[in-house]
Amino acid sequence: MENKEIKKIIFVCKGNIYRSVIAEKYLKKLLNNKGMNGEFEITSAGINGTAGTKPPKGKNIKDYPEIYKVVKKFIDEKGIDLADHNSSQITREKAEQADLIIVMEKSVLEGPPNSLATQFPNLTYKMRLFSELEGKNYDIPDCENEDQKIHKMVIDTICEKLDKFFHVLIKWIN
């Protein structure tokens, strides 16, 4: 029997409360449905709290009750449970161990002092913007208010792009 190395994918956004966690949980669900979960380790992290910046106020979406109330039905529809998640920051060790780092927006990738390219310039070869899955270059917006339409659009976009472009993700990792 062939001993395959487990591939590590990490999704990164600002706070690791919402977008990167949804991508992590949904991809785990997809891999499980395809019988491939033993081949991958999927995690998520945030840049807030790194390079001298402040970490997010809450560690879980439930720590933001007004937003959680809006988000709950949309994540339930996708079969995503965020209840057990605690946000964590990206570290050099996590970035080095990852085979692929998928970033939700350009400012997480490059620019600010806590961006991935600034903190880990020698690892940019393994970093991709989420929208590159479909060959595009746009941000998955950060949802900082209770606008239901934006939340639905963000959750739908993350899940639908992972479904539709799963083959691209597998190509990237291999």
C-alpha atoms as a PDB file:
ATOM      1  CA  MET A   1       0.000   0.000   0.000  1.00  0.00           C
ATOM      2  CA  GLU A   2       1.276   3.418  -0.958  1.00  0.00           C
ATOM      3  CA  ASN A   3       2.063   5.764   1.942  1.00  0.00           C
ATOM      4  CA  LYS A   4       0.869   9.154   0.712  1.00  0.00           C
ATOM      5  CA  GLU A   5       1.945  12.296   2.489  1.00  0.00           C
ATOM      6  CA  ILE A   6      -0.963  14.284   3.895  1.00  0.00           C
ATOM      7  CA  LYS A   7      -1.254  17.626   2.108  1.00  0.00           C
ATOM      8  CA  LYS A   8      -1.825  20.680   4.310  1.00  0.00           C
ATOM      9  CA  ILE A   9      -4.077  23.524   3.209  1.00  0.00           C
ATOM     10  CA  ILE A  10      -4.616  26.616   5.334  1.00  0.00           C
ATOM     11  CA  PHE A  11      -7.207  29.305   4.653  1.00  0.00           C
ATOM     12  CA  VAL A  12      -6.312  32.774   5.929  1.00  0.00           C
ATOM     13  CA  CYS A  13      -8.371  35.921   6.474  1.00  0.00           C
ATOM     14  CA  LYS A  14      -8.082  38.815   8.906  1.00  0.00           C
ATOM     15  CA  GLY A  15      -9.539  37.488  12.161  1.00  0.00           C
ATOM     16  CA  ASN A  16     -10.117  33.763  11.548  1.00  0.00           C
ATOM     17  CA  ILE A  17     -13.652  34.180  12.825  1.00  0.00           C
ATOM     18  CA  TYR A  18     -15.680  33.902   9.638  1.00  0.00           C
ATOM     19  CA  ARG A  19     -14.471  33.570   6.027  1.00  0.00           C
ATOM     20  CA  SER A  20     -11.434  31.334   6.492  1.00  0.00           C
ATOM     21  CA  VAL A  21     -13.330  29.145   8.966  1.00  0.00           C
ATOM     22  CA  ILE A  22     -16.271  28.724   6.592  1.00  0.00           C
ATOM     23  CA  ALA A  23     -13.849  27.710   3.826  1.00  0.00           C
ATOM     24  CA  GLU A  24     -12.050  25.294   6.185  1.00  0.00           C
ATOM     25  CA  LYS A  25     -15.250  23.636   7.431  1.00  0.00           C
ATOM     26  CA  TYR A  26     -16.839  23.460   3.986  1.00  0.00           C
ATOM     27  CA  LEU A  27     -13.749  21.974   2.345  1.00  0.00           C
ATOM     28  CA  LYS A  28     -13.537  19.363   5.121  1.00  0.00           C
ATOM     29  CA  LYS A  29     -17.172  18.487   4.397  1.00  0.00           C
ATOM     30  CA  LEU A  30     -16.473  18.246   0.650  1.00  0.00           C
ATOM     31  CA  LEU A  31     -13.419  16.044   1.176  1.00  0.00           C
ATOM     32  CA  ASN A  32     -15.376  13.798   3.514  1.00  0.00           C
ATOM     33  CA  ASN A  33     -18.198  13.472   0.956  1.00  0.00           C
ATOM     34  CA  LYS A  34     -15.630  12.510  -1.698  1.00  0.00           C
ATOM     35  CA  GLY A  35     -13.899   9.999   0.605  1.00  0.00           C
ATOM     36  CA  MET A  36     -10.690  12.061   0.509  1.00  0.00           C
ATOM     37  CA  ASN A  37     -10.472  13.475   4.043  1.00  0.00           C
ATOM     38  CA  GLY A  38      -7.523  11.220   4.979  1.00  0.00           C
ATOM     39  CA  GLU A  39      -5.430  12.814   2.227  1.00  0.00           C
ATOM     40  CA  PHE A  40      -5.607  16.389   3.542  1.00  0.00           C
ATOM     41  CA  GLU A  41      -5.257  18.444   6.691  1.00  0.00           C
ATOM     42  CA  ILE A  42      -7.391  21.566   6.415  1.00  0.00           C
ATOM     43  CA  THR A  43      -7.006  24.440   8.875  1.00  0.00           C
ATOM     44  CA  SER A  44      -7.518  28.189   9.021  1.00  0.00           C
ATOM     45  CA  ALA A  45      -5.883  31.196  10.659  1.00  0.00           C
ATOM     46  CA  GLY A  46      -5.954  34.974  10.733  1.00  0.00           C
ATOM     47  CA  ILE A  47      -3.395  37.760  10.453  1.00  0.00           C
ATOM     48  CA  ASN A  48      -4.953  39.964  13.155  1.00  0.00           C
ATOM     49  CA  GLY A  49      -2.838  39.574  16.268  1.00  0.00           C
ATOM     50  CA  THR A  50       0.389  39.100  14.288  1.00  0.00           C
ATOM     51  CA  ALA A  51       3.218  41.561  13.607  1.00  0.00           C
ATOM     52  CA  GLY A  52       2.186  43.803  16.493  1.00  0.00           C
ATOM     53  CA  THR A  53      -1.493  44.089  15.527  1.00  0.00           C
ATOM     54  CA  LYS A  54      -4.429  43.495  17.830  1.00  0.00           C
ATOM     55  CA  PRO A  55      -6.137  40.094  17.786  1.00  0.00           C
ATOM     56  CA  PRO A  56      -9.887  39.946  17.177  1.00  0.00           C
ATOM     57  CA  LYS A  57     -12.079  40.805  20.191  1.00  0.00           C
ATOM     58  CA  GLY A  58     -13.870  37.458  19.985  1.00  0.00           C
ATOM     59  CA  LYS A  59     -12.520  33.964  19.293  1.00  0.00           C
ATOM     60  CA  ASN A  60     -15.692  32.642  17.639  1.00  0.00           C
ATOM     61  CA  ILE A  61     -18.514  34.060  15.501  1.00  0.00           C
ATOM     62  CA  LYS A  62     -20.820  33.463  18.503  1.00  0.00           C
ATOM     63  CA  ASP A  63     -18.874  36.199  20.322  1.00  0.00           C
ATOM     64  CA  TYR A  64     -20.557  38.603  17.878  1.00  0.00           C
ATOM     65  CA  PRO A  65     -24.239  37.779  18.632  1.00  0.00           C
ATOM     66  CA  GLU A  66     -25.803  40.230  16.170  1.00  0.00           C
ATOM     67  CA  ILE A  67     -23.741  38.888  13.279  1.00  0.00           C
ATOM     68  CA  TYR A  68     -24.124  35.262  14.395  1.00  0.00           C
ATOM     69  CA  LYS A  69     -27.913  35.680  14.404  1.00  0.00           C
ATOM     70  CA  VAL A  70     -27.745  36.769  10.735  1.00  0.00           C
ATOM     71  CA  VAL A  71     -25.219  34.105   9.708  1.00  0.00           C
ATOM     72  CA  LYS A  72     -26.679  31.085  11.520  1.00  0.00           C
ATOM     73  CA  LYS A  73     -29.353  30.134   8.984  1.00  0.00           C
ATOM     74  CA  PHE A  74     -26.947  30.475   6.038  1.00  0.00           C
ATOM     75  CA  ILE A  75     -24.264  28.265   7.573  1.00  0.00           C
ATOM     76  CA  ASP A  76     -26.913  25.771   8.688  1.00  0.00           C
ATOM     77  CA  GLU A  77     -28.149  25.580   5.074  1.00  0.00           C
ATOM     78  CA  LYS A  78     -24.604  24.640   4.008  1.00  0.00           C
ATOM     79  CA  GLY A  79     -24.190  22.119   6.831  1.00  0.00           C
ATOM     80  CA  ILE A  80     -21.402  24.131   8.446  1.00  0.00           C
ATOM     81  CA  ASP A  81     -20.979  24.221  12.222  1.00  0.00           C
ATOM     82  CA  LEU A  82     -18.720  26.958  13.584  1.00  0.00           C
ATOM     83  CA  ALA A  83     -19.528  26.338  17.262  1.00  0.00           C
ATOM     84  CA  ASP A  84     -16.280  24.548  18.159  1.00  0.00           C
ATOM     85  CA  HIS A  85     -13.957  26.990  16.398  1.00  0.00           C
ATOM     86  CA  ASN A  86     -11.490  29.230  18.232  1.00  0.00           C
ATOM     87  CA  SER A  87      -9.655  31.763  16.111  1.00  0.00           C
ATOM     88  CA  SER A  88      -5.914  31.404  15.803  1.00  0.00           C
ATOM     89  CA  GLN A  89      -3.184  33.490  14.242  1.00  0.00           C
ATOM     90  CA  ILE A  90      -0.941  32.475  11.396  1.00  0.00           C
ATOM     91  CA  THR A  91       2.591  31.701  12.534  1.00  0.00           C
ATOM     92  CA  ARG A  92       5.802  31.101  10.646  1.00  0.00           C
ATOM     93  CA  GLU A  93       5.592  27.427  11.595  1.00  0.00           C
ATOM     94  CA  LYS A  94       2.028  27.064  10.254  1.00  0.00           C
ATOM     95  CA  ALA A  95       2.969  28.875   7.036  1.00  0.00           C
ATOM     96  CA  GLU A  96       6.080  26.741   6.543  1.00  0.00           C
ATOM     97  CA  GLN A  97       4.212  23.479   7.158  1.00  0.00           C
ATOM     98  CA  ALA A  98       1.382  24.326   4.745  1.00  0.00           C
ATOM     99  CA  ASP A  99       1.543  23.020   1.203  1.00  0.00           C
ATOM    100  CA  LEU A 100      -0.988  25.642   0.102  1.00  0.00           C
ATOM    101  CA  ILE A 101      -2.115  28.916   1.701  1.00  0.00           C
ATOM    102  CA  ILE A 102      -5.395  30.302   0.357  1.00  0.00           C
ATOM    103  CA  VAL A 103      -6.093  33.921   1.231  1.00  0.00           C
ATOM    104  CA  MET A 104      -9.502  35.597   1.255  1.00  0.00           C
ATOM    105  CA  GLU A 105      -8.440  39.117   0.236  1.00  0.00           C
ATOM    106  CA  LYS A 106      -5.508  40.990  -1.255  1.00  0.00           C
ATOM    107  CA  SER A 107      -4.768  43.006   1.918  1.00  0.00           C
ATOM    108  CA  VAL A 108      -4.259  39.746   3.823  1.00  0.00           C
ATOM    109  CA  LEU A 109      -1.864  38.620   1.109  1.00  0.00           C
ATOM    110  CA  GLU A 110       0.182  41.787   0.675  1.00  0.00           C
ATOM    111  CA  GLY A 111       0.488  45.380   1.814  1.00  0.00           C
ATOM    112  CA  PRO A 112       0.012  45.829   5.567  1.00  0.00           C
ATOM    113  CA  PRO A 113       2.850  44.967   8.008  1.00  0.00           C
ATOM    114  CA  ASN A 114       0.915  41.874   9.122  1.00  0.00           C
ATOM    115  CA  SER A 115       0.161  40.656   5.575  1.00  0.00           C
ATOM    116  CA  LEU A 116       1.458  37.213   4.680  1.00  0.00           C
ATOM    117  CA  ALA A 117       3.868  38.415   1.987  1.00  0.00           C
ATOM    118  CA  THR A 118       5.368  40.948   4.414  1.00  0.00           C
ATOM    119  CA  GLN A 119       5.728  38.431   7.253  1.00  0.00           C
ATOM    120  CA  PHE A 120       6.774  35.434   5.144  1.00  0.00           C
ATOM    121  CA  PRO A 121       8.250  36.746   1.866  1.00  0.00           C
ATOM    122  CA  ASN A 122      10.084  33.473   1.188  1.00  0.00           C
ATOM    123  CA  LEU A 123       6.778  31.536   1.229  1.00  0.00           C
ATOM    124  CA  THR A 124       4.755  33.549  -1.299  1.00  0.00           C
ATOM    125  CA  TYR A 125       5.162  30.755  -3.868  1.00  0.00           C
ATOM    126  CA  LYS A 126       2.567  28.716  -1.939  1.00  0.00           C
ATOM    127  CA  MET A 127       0.058  31.564  -1.430  1.00  0.00           C
ATOM    128  CA  ARG A 128      -3.028  32.049  -3.599  1.00  0.00           C
ATOM    129  CA  LEU A 129      -5.955  34.425  -3.510  1.00  0.00           C
ATOM    130  CA  PHE A 130      -9.224  32.464  -3.077  1.00  0.00           C
ATOM    131  CA  SER A 131     -10.711  33.993  -6.249  1.00  0.00           C
ATOM    132  CA  GLU A 132      -7.811  32.563  -8.275  1.00  0.00           C
ATOM    133  CA  LEU A 133      -9.662  29.225  -8.041  1.00  0.00           C
ATOM    134  CA  GLU A 134     -11.786  30.521 -10.905  1.00  0.00           C
ATOM    135  CA  GLY A 135      -8.960  32.415 -12.578  1.00  0.00           C
ATOM    136  CA  LYS A 136     -10.051  35.802 -11.243  1.00  0.00           C
ATOM    137  CA  ASN A 137      -8.678  38.461  -8.888  1.00  0.00           C
ATOM    138  CA  TYR A 138     -11.212  39.771  -6.378  1.00  0.00           C
ATOM    139  CA  ASP A 139     -11.627  39.849  -2.604  1.00  0.00           C
ATOM    140  CA  ILE A 140     -14.067  37.810  -0.568  1.00  0.00           C
ATOM    141  CA  PRO A 141     -15.330  40.791   1.463  1.00  0.00           C
ATOM    142  CA  ASP A 142     -14.995  40.999   5.223  1.00  0.00           C
ATOM    143  CA  CYS A 143     -18.469  41.097   6.766  1.00  0.00           C
ATOM    144  CA  GLU A 144     -18.291  43.540   9.623  1.00  0.00           C
ATOM    145  CA  ASN A 145     -21.980  44.420   9.905  1.00  0.00           C
ATOM    146  CA  GLU A 146     -25.371  42.732   9.936  1.00  0.00           C
ATOM    147  CA  ASP A 147     -26.130  43.142   6.215  1.00  0.00           C
ATOM    148  CA  GLN A 148     -27.884  39.861   5.455  1.00  0.00           C
ATOM    149  CA  LYS A 149     -27.345  40.083   1.667  1.00  0.00           C
ATOM    150  CA  ILE A 150     -23.569  40.427   2.051  1.00  0.00           C
ATOM    151  CA  HIS A 151     -23.372  37.511   4.488  1.00  0.00           C
ATOM    152  CA  LYS A 152     -25.411  35.274   2.207  1.00  0.00           C
ATOM    153  CA  MET A 153     -23.313  36.292  -0.808  1.00  0.00           C
ATOM    154  CA  VAL A 154     -20.019  35.636   1.018  1.00  0.00           C
ATOM    155  CA  ILE A 155     -21.075  32.234   2.350  1.00  0.00           C
ATOM    156  CA  ASP A 156     -22.591  31.200  -1.003  1.00  0.00           C
ATOM    157  CA  THR A 157     -19.502  32.383  -2.890  1.00  0.00           C
ATOM    158  CA  ILE A 158     -17.076  30.455  -0.670  1.00  0.00           C
ATOM    159  CA  CYS A 159     -19.088  27.238  -0.812  1.00  0.00           C
ATOM    160  CA  GLU A 160     -20.043  27.427  -4.484  1.00  0.00           C
ATOM    161  CA  LYS A 161     -16.474  28.195  -5.610  1.00  0.00           C
ATOM    162  CA  LEU A 162     -15.084  25.306  -3.543  1.00  0.00           C
ATOM    163  CA  ASP A 163     -17.696  23.013  -5.130  1.00  0.00           C
ATOM    164  CA  LYS A 164     -17.224  24.232  -8.681  1.00  0.00           C
ATOM    165  CA  PHE A 165     -13.431  24.626  -8.657  1.00  0.00           C
ATOM    166  CA  PHE A 166     -12.504  21.734  -6.384  1.00  0.00           C
ATOM    167  CA  HIS A 167     -10.462  20.225  -9.258  1.00  0.00           C
ATOM    168  CA  VAL A 168      -8.372  23.426  -9.455  1.00  0.00           C
ATOM    169  CA  LEU A 169      -7.630  23.260  -5.750  1.00  0.00           C
ATOM    170  CA  ILE A 170      -6.505  19.639  -6.130  1.00  0.00           C
ATOM    171  CA  LYS A 171      -4.285  20.658  -9.044  1.00  0.00           C
ATOM    172  CA  TRP A 172      -2.719  23.441  -6.940  1.00  0.00           C
ATOM    173  CA  ILE A 173      -1.934  21.069  -4.092  1.00  0.00           C
ATOM    174  CA  ASN A 174      -0.441  18.410  -6.360  1.00  0.00           C
END
